[in-house]
N, C-alpha and C. Protein backbone atom coordinates (compact mmCIF):
# COMPACT_ATOMS: atom_id res chain seq x y z
N THR A 1 200.75 133.87 95.67
CA THR A 1 199.36 133.25 95.73
C THR A 1 199.37 131.87 95.84
N ILE A 2 200.35 131.31 94.94
CA ILE A 2 200.35 129.84 95.05
C ILE A 2 200.57 129.37 96.40
N THR A 3 201.19 129.96 97.06
CA THR A 3 201.69 129.75 98.50
C THR A 3 200.39 129.58 99.32
N ASN A 4 199.61 130.92 99.15
CA ASN A 4 198.48 131.08 99.95
C ASN A 4 197.53 129.71 99.71
N LEU A 5 197.46 129.58 98.26
CA LEU A 5 196.48 128.54 97.97
C LEU A 5 196.77 126.99 98.25
N THR A 6 198.13 127.01 98.51
CA THR A 6 198.85 125.37 98.88
C THR A 6 198.41 125.44 100.47
N GLN A 7 198.72 126.63 101.19
CA GLN A 7 198.30 126.56 102.70
C GLN A 7 196.93 126.28 102.88
N ARG A 8 195.96 126.83 102.10
CA ARG A 8 194.71 126.77 102.10
C ARG A 8 194.08 125.34 101.74
N VAL A 9 194.68 124.66 100.89
CA VAL A 9 194.24 123.35 100.55
C VAL A 9 194.77 122.34 101.84
N GLY A 10 196.03 122.58 102.22
CA GLY A 10 196.58 122.08 103.51
C GLY A 10 195.34 122.11 104.70
N VAL A 11 194.91 123.28 104.90
CA VAL A 11 194.02 123.35 105.98
C VAL A 11 192.77 122.76 105.77
N LEU A 12 192.13 122.81 104.40
CA LEU A 12 190.99 122.13 104.10
C LEU A 12 191.07 120.57 104.24
N GLU A 13 192.18 120.21 103.91
CA GLU A 13 192.53 118.49 104.08
C GLU A 13 192.55 118.20 105.36
N LYS A 14 193.34 118.99 106.20
CA LYS A 14 193.24 118.70 107.68
C LYS A 14 191.84 118.80 108.20
N GLY A 15 191.09 119.88 107.93
CA GLY A 15 189.57 119.72 108.53
C GLY A 15 188.93 118.58 107.88
N GLY A 16 189.27 118.14 106.66
CA GLY A 16 188.45 116.85 106.06
C GLY A 16 188.73 115.70 106.99
N GLN A 17 189.98 115.61 107.45
CA GLN A 17 190.60 114.43 108.25
C GLN A 17 189.78 114.70 109.64
N VAL A 18 189.72 115.70 110.25
CA VAL A 18 189.12 115.96 111.61
C VAL A 18 187.54 115.54 111.47
N ASP A 19 186.84 116.10 110.26
CA ASP A 19 185.60 115.70 109.97
C ASP A 19 185.43 114.20 110.10
N ARG A 20 186.14 113.44 109.32
CA ARG A 20 185.98 112.07 109.14
C ARG A 20 186.17 111.49 110.48
N LYS A 21 187.20 111.69 111.19
CA LYS A 21 187.32 111.15 112.45
C LYS A 21 185.98 111.26 113.38
N ALA A 22 185.62 112.60 113.46
CA ALA A 22 184.33 112.99 114.33
C ALA A 22 183.25 112.11 113.70
N THR A 23 182.98 111.98 112.52
CA THR A 23 181.94 111.31 112.08
C THR A 23 181.91 109.71 112.28
N GLU A 24 183.16 109.34 112.40
CA GLU A 24 183.55 107.84 112.81
C GLU A 24 183.13 107.65 114.34
N GLY A 25 183.67 108.57 115.06
CA GLY A 25 183.12 108.38 116.38
C GLY A 25 181.87 108.61 116.79
N ILE A 26 181.22 109.62 116.05
CA ILE A 26 179.75 109.51 115.98
C ILE A 26 178.96 108.35 115.95
N ARG A 27 179.53 107.61 114.58
CA ARG A 27 179.00 106.32 114.16
C ARG A 27 179.39 105.24 115.11
N GLN A 28 180.16 105.23 116.05
CA GLN A 28 180.43 104.24 117.01
C GLN A 28 179.57 104.30 118.01
N THR A 29 179.36 105.73 118.55
CA THR A 29 178.41 106.19 119.69
C THR A 29 177.10 105.70 119.18
N VAL A 30 176.57 105.73 118.21
CA VAL A 30 175.19 105.44 117.78
C VAL A 30 175.18 103.99 117.98
N LYS A 31 176.26 103.32 117.45
CA LYS A 31 176.19 101.92 117.40
C LYS A 31 176.07 101.39 118.64
N GLU A 32 176.73 102.00 119.64
CA GLU A 32 176.94 101.56 121.12
C GLU A 32 175.50 101.78 121.83
N LEU A 33 175.00 102.98 121.58
CA LEU A 33 173.60 103.48 122.05
C LEU A 33 172.54 102.56 121.59
N LYS A 34 172.58 102.09 120.26
CA LYS A 34 171.63 101.09 119.73
C LYS A 34 171.52 99.76 120.38
N ALA A 35 172.85 99.25 120.86
CA ALA A 35 172.98 97.94 121.41
C ALA A 35 172.46 98.17 122.92
N GLN A 36 172.72 99.20 123.39
CA GLN A 36 172.05 99.56 124.80
C GLN A 36 170.50 99.52 124.87
N ILE A 37 170.02 100.05 123.90
CA ILE A 37 168.64 100.25 123.65
C ILE A 37 167.94 98.87 123.49
N SER A 38 168.63 98.01 122.70
CA SER A 38 168.23 96.60 122.55
C SER A 38 168.32 95.99 123.66
N THR A 39 169.26 95.95 124.47
CA THR A 39 169.44 95.38 125.71
C THR A 39 168.22 95.75 126.82
N LEU A 40 168.09 97.06 126.77
CA LEU A 40 166.85 97.76 127.66
C LEU A 40 165.48 97.28 127.29
N GLU A 41 165.20 96.96 125.88
CA GLU A 41 163.96 96.64 125.27
C GLU A 41 163.74 95.08 125.61
N GLU A 42 164.71 94.38 125.63
CA GLU A 42 164.61 92.88 126.04
C GLU A 42 164.28 92.75 127.31
N GLU A 43 164.91 93.66 128.16
CA GLU A 43 164.64 93.49 129.72
C GLU A 43 163.22 93.89 130.00
N VAL A 44 162.88 95.05 129.32
CA VAL A 44 161.75 95.57 129.62
C VAL A 44 160.47 94.57 129.05
N ALA A 45 160.59 93.97 127.93
CA ALA A 45 159.78 92.73 127.51
C ALA A 45 159.86 91.42 128.47
N PHE A 46 160.73 91.30 129.11
CA PHE A 46 161.02 90.06 130.24
C PHE A 46 160.24 90.48 131.25
N TYR A 47 160.43 91.75 131.89
CA TYR A 47 159.72 92.18 133.22
C TYR A 47 158.24 92.26 132.98
N LYS A 48 157.90 93.08 131.70
CA LYS A 48 156.26 93.25 131.18
C LYS A 48 155.71 91.67 131.15
N GLY A 49 156.48 90.67 130.67
CA GLY A 49 155.85 89.46 130.53
C GLY A 49 155.45 88.68 131.74
N ILE A 50 156.42 89.08 132.78
CA ILE A 50 156.06 88.63 134.24
C ILE A 50 155.01 89.36 134.94
N MET A 51 155.06 90.60 134.88
CA MET A 51 154.04 91.38 135.65
C MET A 51 152.57 91.67 134.66
N ALA A 52 152.62 91.44 133.51
CA ALA A 52 151.46 91.58 132.55
C ALA A 52 151.30 90.76 131.56
N PRO A 53 151.32 89.54 132.03
CA PRO A 53 151.13 88.63 130.71
C PRO A 53 149.96 88.36 130.07
N SER A 54 149.89 87.76 128.88
CA SER A 54 148.83 87.64 127.96
C SER A 54 147.95 86.35 128.62
N ALA A 55 146.60 86.34 128.51
CA ALA A 55 145.72 85.47 128.93
C ALA A 55 146.19 83.83 128.89
N ASN A 56 147.07 83.60 127.69
CA ASN A 56 147.51 82.18 127.63
C ASN A 56 148.79 81.88 128.21
N ASP A 57 149.42 82.87 128.77
CA ASP A 57 150.89 82.83 128.95
C ASP A 57 150.93 82.82 130.60
N LYS A 58 150.61 81.80 131.36
CA LYS A 58 150.57 81.88 132.74
C LYS A 58 151.35 80.79 133.34
N GLY A 59 151.71 80.93 134.51
CA GLY A 59 152.51 79.75 135.28
C GLY A 59 153.95 79.70 134.92
N LEU A 60 154.49 78.57 135.44
CA LEU A 60 155.83 78.37 135.35
C LEU A 60 156.40 78.40 133.96
N ARG A 61 157.66 79.11 133.55
CA ARG A 61 158.09 79.18 132.12
C ARG A 61 159.45 79.02 132.21
N ILE A 62 160.06 78.68 131.22
CA ILE A 62 161.49 78.76 130.68
C ILE A 62 161.72 79.89 129.90
N SER A 63 162.14 81.13 130.21
CA SER A 63 162.36 82.24 129.55
C SER A 63 163.63 82.35 128.75
N LYS A 64 164.71 81.82 129.19
CA LYS A 64 165.84 81.68 128.25
C LYS A 64 166.77 80.73 128.51
N VAL A 65 167.41 79.99 127.62
CA VAL A 65 168.31 79.06 127.71
C VAL A 65 169.60 79.69 126.94
N GLU A 66 170.70 79.87 127.39
CA GLU A 66 171.75 80.36 126.85
C GLU A 66 173.02 79.84 126.96
N ILE A 67 173.85 79.49 125.77
CA ILE A 67 175.38 79.12 126.02
C ILE A 67 176.41 79.89 125.19
N GLN A 68 177.23 80.23 126.18
CA GLN A 68 178.28 81.09 125.61
C GLN A 68 179.62 80.47 125.77
N PRO A 69 180.23 80.48 124.63
CA PRO A 69 181.71 79.70 124.71
C PRO A 69 182.64 80.77 125.55
N GLN A 70 183.53 80.12 126.35
CA GLN A 70 184.50 80.88 127.08
C GLN A 70 185.81 80.51 126.51
N GLU A 71 186.87 81.11 127.16
CA GLU A 71 188.28 80.43 126.65
C GLU A 71 188.35 79.09 127.14
N GLY A 72 189.06 78.51 126.13
CA GLY A 72 189.29 76.93 126.06
C GLY A 72 188.24 76.26 125.19
N ALA A 73 188.64 75.39 124.72
CA ALA A 73 187.97 74.61 123.62
C ALA A 73 186.62 74.15 123.99
N GLU A 74 186.48 73.41 125.17
CA GLU A 74 185.51 72.70 125.65
C GLU A 74 184.80 73.65 126.97
N THR A 75 184.91 74.70 127.22
CA THR A 75 184.36 75.46 128.44
C THR A 75 183.24 76.37 127.80
N PHE A 76 182.16 76.38 128.49
CA PHE A 76 181.04 77.26 128.08
C PHE A 76 180.44 77.82 129.40
N ARG A 77 179.80 78.99 129.30
CA ARG A 77 179.07 79.59 130.44
C ARG A 77 177.52 79.33 129.96
N TYR A 78 176.80 78.96 130.93
CA TYR A 78 175.42 78.44 130.55
C TYR A 78 174.62 79.40 131.60
N SER A 79 173.36 79.85 131.01
CA SER A 79 172.28 80.59 131.82
C SER A 79 170.92 80.10 131.39
N ILE A 80 170.24 79.88 132.49
CA ILE A 80 168.73 79.32 132.35
C ILE A 80 167.87 80.28 133.07
N MET A 81 167.01 80.85 132.49
CA MET A 81 166.08 81.93 133.34
C MET A 81 164.63 81.36 133.41
N MET A 82 164.18 80.93 134.84
CA MET A 82 162.78 80.39 135.01
C MET A 82 162.15 81.70 135.42
N THR A 83 160.78 81.57 135.00
CA THR A 83 160.01 82.71 135.50
C THR A 83 158.70 82.09 135.96
N GLN A 84 157.87 82.84 136.69
CA GLN A 84 156.42 82.43 137.20
C GLN A 84 155.72 83.47 136.71
N VAL A 85 154.69 83.58 135.88
CA VAL A 85 153.99 84.44 135.26
C VAL A 85 152.47 84.45 135.98
N ALA A 86 152.00 85.76 135.88
CA ALA A 86 150.72 85.87 136.65
C ALA A 86 150.69 85.61 137.96
N ASP A 87 150.70 84.42 138.46
CA ASP A 87 150.32 83.92 139.90
C ASP A 87 151.80 84.12 140.68
N ASN A 88 152.27 85.24 140.68
CA ASN A 88 153.48 85.60 141.42
C ASN A 88 153.28 86.11 142.87
N SER A 89 152.20 85.87 143.40
CA SER A 89 151.93 86.25 144.86
C SER A 89 152.37 85.30 145.79
N SER A 90 152.80 83.94 145.25
CA SER A 90 153.35 83.14 146.18
C SER A 90 154.48 82.48 145.40
N TYR A 91 155.48 81.75 146.31
CA TYR A 91 156.59 81.03 145.64
C TYR A 91 156.26 79.87 145.01
N ILE A 92 157.15 79.51 144.24
CA ILE A 92 157.07 78.13 143.47
C ILE A 92 158.41 77.49 143.45
N SER A 93 158.19 76.20 143.80
CA SER A 93 159.69 75.62 144.14
C SER A 93 159.61 74.16 143.28
N GLY A 94 160.72 73.68 142.96
CA GLY A 94 160.69 72.39 142.29
C GLY A 94 162.21 72.01 141.83
N LEU A 95 162.28 71.26 140.94
CA LEU A 95 163.50 70.88 140.44
C LEU A 95 163.95 71.33 138.81
N ALA A 96 164.99 71.61 138.63
CA ALA A 96 165.28 71.96 137.11
C ALA A 96 166.30 70.75 136.82
N ALA A 97 165.96 69.97 135.63
CA ALA A 97 166.68 68.99 135.11
C ALA A 97 167.47 69.56 133.83
N VAL A 98 168.66 69.59 133.81
CA VAL A 98 169.40 70.01 132.50
C VAL A 98 170.33 69.01 131.92
N ASN A 99 169.82 68.56 130.56
CA ASN A 99 170.83 67.49 129.93
C ASN A 99 171.28 68.12 128.60
N PHE A 100 172.59 67.51 128.31
CA PHE A 100 173.07 67.95 127.16
C PHE A 100 173.25 66.67 126.03
N VAL A 101 172.78 66.84 124.94
CA VAL A 101 172.44 65.67 124.01
C VAL A 101 173.57 65.77 122.95
N GLY A 102 174.28 65.01 122.76
CA GLY A 102 175.39 64.95 121.59
C GLY A 102 175.96 63.62 121.30
N MET A 103 177.03 63.74 120.37
CA MET A 103 177.60 62.50 119.76
C MET A 103 178.91 62.29 120.51
N GLN A 104 179.20 60.99 120.97
CA GLN A 104 180.53 60.71 121.59
C GLN A 104 181.16 59.71 120.60
N GLY A 105 181.75 59.96 119.55
CA GLY A 105 182.13 59.16 118.37
C GLY A 105 180.91 58.84 117.75
N ALA A 106 180.17 57.72 117.26
CA ALA A 106 179.19 57.20 116.73
C ALA A 106 178.15 57.00 117.45
N GLU A 107 178.30 57.16 118.80
CA GLU A 107 177.20 56.88 120.05
C GLU A 107 176.47 58.32 120.27
N LYS A 108 175.08 58.26 120.25
CA LYS A 108 174.38 59.38 120.87
C LYS A 108 174.26 59.15 122.39
N VAL A 109 174.80 60.25 123.15
CA VAL A 109 174.95 60.42 124.44
C VAL A 109 174.21 61.68 125.08
N ILE A 110 173.71 61.35 126.30
CA ILE A 110 172.80 62.26 127.15
C ILE A 110 173.48 62.53 128.32
N LEU A 111 174.25 63.75 128.41
CA LEU A 111 174.93 63.89 129.75
C LEU A 111 174.09 64.93 130.59
N PRO A 112 174.11 64.64 131.95
CA PRO A 112 173.21 65.57 132.76
C PRO A 112 174.31 66.70 133.20
N LEU A 113 173.70 67.79 133.85
CA LEU A 113 174.56 68.92 134.02
C LEU A 113 175.59 68.59 135.09
N ARG A 114 175.07 67.85 136.03
CA ARG A 114 175.98 67.44 137.22
C ARG A 114 177.48 66.73 136.67
N ASP A 115 177.42 66.16 135.48
CA ASP A 115 178.52 65.65 134.98
C ASP A 115 179.33 66.67 134.34
N LEU A 116 179.02 67.72 133.91
CA LEU A 116 179.78 68.78 133.27
C LEU A 116 180.12 70.00 134.31
N ASP A 117 179.28 70.22 135.10
CA ASP A 117 179.59 71.48 136.04
C ASP A 117 179.81 71.00 137.53
N SER A 118 181.20 71.12 137.90
CA SER A 118 181.52 70.64 139.35
C SER A 118 180.84 71.21 140.23
N ASN A 119 180.17 72.30 140.42
CA ASN A 119 179.48 73.08 141.20
C ASN A 119 177.91 72.25 141.50
N VAL A 120 177.49 71.50 140.56
CA VAL A 120 176.20 70.91 140.55
C VAL A 120 176.47 69.54 140.91
N THR A 121 176.11 69.09 142.12
CA THR A 121 176.29 67.62 142.71
C THR A 121 174.86 66.80 142.57
N ASP A 122 173.78 67.42 142.44
CA ASP A 122 172.59 66.66 142.37
C ASP A 122 172.15 66.55 140.86
N LEU A 123 171.24 65.54 140.62
CA LEU A 123 170.68 65.13 139.14
C LEU A 123 170.11 66.45 138.51
N GLY A 124 169.17 67.07 139.52
CA GLY A 124 168.65 68.37 139.22
C GLY A 124 169.03 69.52 140.11
N VAL A 125 168.71 70.82 139.65
CA VAL A 125 168.91 71.91 140.39
C VAL A 125 167.60 72.34 140.91
N LYS A 126 167.64 72.59 142.57
CA LYS A 126 166.68 73.02 143.05
C LYS A 126 166.26 74.54 143.03
N PHE A 127 164.99 74.75 142.72
CA PHE A 127 164.73 76.01 142.47
C PHE A 127 163.40 76.59 143.55
N ARG A 128 163.49 77.91 143.70
CA ARG A 128 162.37 78.49 144.78
C ARG A 128 162.27 80.02 144.49
N PHE A 129 161.32 80.63 143.99
CA PHE A 129 161.36 81.93 143.75
C PHE A 129 159.77 82.32 143.42
N ARG A 130 159.72 83.75 143.54
CA ARG A 130 158.33 84.22 143.28
C ARG A 130 158.26 84.72 142.02
N TYR A 131 159.20 85.53 141.50
CA TYR A 131 158.99 86.09 140.06
C TYR A 131 159.90 85.50 139.15
N PHE A 132 161.30 85.26 139.50
CA PHE A 132 162.07 84.69 138.44
C PHE A 132 163.39 84.23 139.27
N GLN A 133 164.13 83.22 138.60
CA GLN A 133 165.49 82.69 139.13
C GLN A 133 166.35 82.36 137.89
N GLU A 134 167.59 82.64 138.06
CA GLU A 134 168.44 81.95 137.00
C GLU A 134 169.35 81.12 137.47
N VAL A 135 169.48 80.00 136.73
CA VAL A 135 170.38 79.07 136.98
C VAL A 135 171.72 79.15 136.06
N ALA A 136 173.05 79.49 136.42
CA ALA A 136 173.83 79.76 135.73
C ALA A 136 175.29 79.20 136.25
N GLY A 137 176.03 78.88 135.37
CA GLY A 137 177.46 78.51 135.68
C GLY A 137 178.23 78.16 134.49
N ASP A 138 179.45 77.50 134.77
CA ASP A 138 180.44 77.22 133.87
C ASP A 138 180.46 75.71 133.81
N LEU A 139 180.43 75.23 132.32
CA LEU A 139 180.59 73.69 132.08
C LEU A 139 181.57 73.32 131.26
N ARG A 140 182.16 72.18 131.47
CA ARG A 140 183.12 71.56 130.57
C ARG A 140 182.77 70.32 129.87
N LEU A 141 182.85 70.60 128.64
CA LEU A 141 182.40 69.23 127.61
C LEU A 141 183.55 68.11 127.78
N PRO A 142 183.23 66.83 127.84
CA PRO A 142 184.41 66.11 127.83
C PRO A 142 184.98 65.91 126.25
N ALA A 143 186.10 65.51 126.45
CA ALA A 143 187.00 65.49 125.03
C ALA A 143 186.26 64.38 124.08
N GLY A 144 185.99 64.79 122.88
CA GLY A 144 185.30 64.09 121.70
C GLY A 144 183.79 64.20 121.84
N PHE A 145 183.38 64.82 122.83
CA PHE A 145 181.89 65.02 122.74
C PHE A 145 181.43 66.39 121.95
N VAL A 146 180.37 66.05 120.86
CA VAL A 146 180.06 67.05 120.07
C VAL A 146 178.58 67.29 120.35
N PRO A 147 178.41 68.39 121.32
CA PRO A 147 176.92 68.77 121.45
C PRO A 147 176.02 69.09 120.50
N GLN A 148 174.80 68.74 120.63
CA GLN A 148 173.64 69.07 119.57
C GLN A 148 172.63 69.76 120.12
N GLN A 149 172.21 69.57 121.57
CA GLN A 149 171.09 70.02 122.17
C GLN A 149 171.25 70.09 123.40
N VAL A 150 170.45 71.10 123.91
CA VAL A 150 170.28 71.37 125.47
C VAL A 150 168.74 70.91 125.95
N GLN A 151 168.55 70.00 126.70
CA GLN A 151 167.09 69.88 127.09
C GLN A 151 166.94 70.37 128.62
N VAL A 152 166.00 71.14 128.83
CA VAL A 152 165.71 71.90 130.36
C VAL A 152 164.29 71.30 130.48
N VAL A 153 164.11 70.64 131.82
CA VAL A 153 162.78 70.09 132.50
C VAL A 153 162.67 70.81 133.74
N LEU A 154 161.51 71.66 133.93
CA LEU A 154 161.24 72.24 135.08
C LEU A 154 160.03 71.35 135.63
N GLN A 155 160.09 70.91 137.03
CA GLN A 155 159.18 70.09 137.63
C GLN A 155 158.72 70.89 138.83
N SER A 156 157.78 71.50 138.86
CA SER A 156 157.41 72.30 140.36
C SER A 156 156.59 71.35 141.17
N THR A 157 156.51 71.64 142.39
CA THR A 157 155.95 70.86 143.48
C THR A 157 154.74 71.49 143.97
N GLY A 158 153.98 70.95 144.71
CA GLY A 158 152.99 71.27 145.38
C GLY A 158 151.51 71.19 144.94
N GLY A 159 150.56 71.96 145.27
CA GLY A 159 149.21 71.61 144.58
C GLY A 159 148.74 72.15 143.36
N LYS A 160 149.76 73.10 142.63
CA LYS A 160 149.53 73.40 141.30
C LYS A 160 150.82 73.00 140.48
N ALA A 161 151.35 71.83 140.81
CA ALA A 161 152.51 71.17 140.07
C ALA A 161 152.38 71.19 138.75
N GLN A 162 153.63 71.78 138.27
CA GLN A 162 153.52 71.97 136.54
C GLN A 162 154.82 71.29 136.05
N ARG A 163 154.90 70.99 134.88
CA ARG A 163 156.14 70.25 134.20
C ARG A 163 156.20 71.05 132.96
N VAL A 164 157.42 71.72 132.79
CA VAL A 164 157.71 72.58 131.51
C VAL A 164 158.98 72.14 130.98
N GLU A 165 158.88 71.74 129.37
CA GLU A 165 160.19 71.26 128.98
C GLU A 165 160.43 72.13 127.94
N GLN A 166 161.75 72.42 127.48
CA GLN A 166 162.30 72.89 126.47
C GLN A 166 163.73 72.56 125.79
N THR A 167 163.57 72.30 124.69
CA THR A 167 164.98 71.80 123.94
C THR A 167 165.50 72.89 123.01
N ILE A 168 166.66 73.23 122.97
CA ILE A 168 167.27 74.12 122.04
C ILE A 168 168.31 73.38 121.35
N ASP A 169 168.63 73.64 120.25
CA ASP A 169 169.64 73.39 119.39
C ASP A 169 171.05 74.04 119.92
N TRP A 170 172.18 73.33 120.22
CA TRP A 170 173.41 73.83 120.61
C TRP A 170 173.73 75.02 119.63
N PRO A 171 174.12 76.10 120.08
CA PRO A 171 174.41 77.18 119.16
C PRO A 171 175.79 76.93 118.40
N GLN A 172 175.85 77.33 117.23
CA GLN A 172 176.91 77.23 116.40
C GLN A 172 177.97 78.30 116.40
């Protein structure tokens, strides 16, 4: 009977291990699904803001300014989302100026995007869209430059010209 009990304990321990692995797998799946739900909720809020804005939230907007570190100490991926809220029956066009504010040694320096992204040759990035447009790319900071802020200025042209500015702190 001791042999039977020993075998039974072994079977129960194996069952416990299987249960723990299954539980961990389920936890991981739930975590991934929650992340997907969060992303989808952000997207729904973004589109809802364009298609059904509040009364005070109309016209040209900077919806998102994002900086993500890439491989390499001074290399980053940037993304700027511009939207036209409410009056999106016609196209809006203009220029987006993006500047990076920081310290170079003891001196405060402002660097335009064209100095950091080899694909940008003008002082501003031209835009033309009906609903939204993303300006994205990779930038390389010069050695010794310590970024502090990103400044984005949108200037639309035409009869209903608008100027929109946003400054964000450099992500830590």
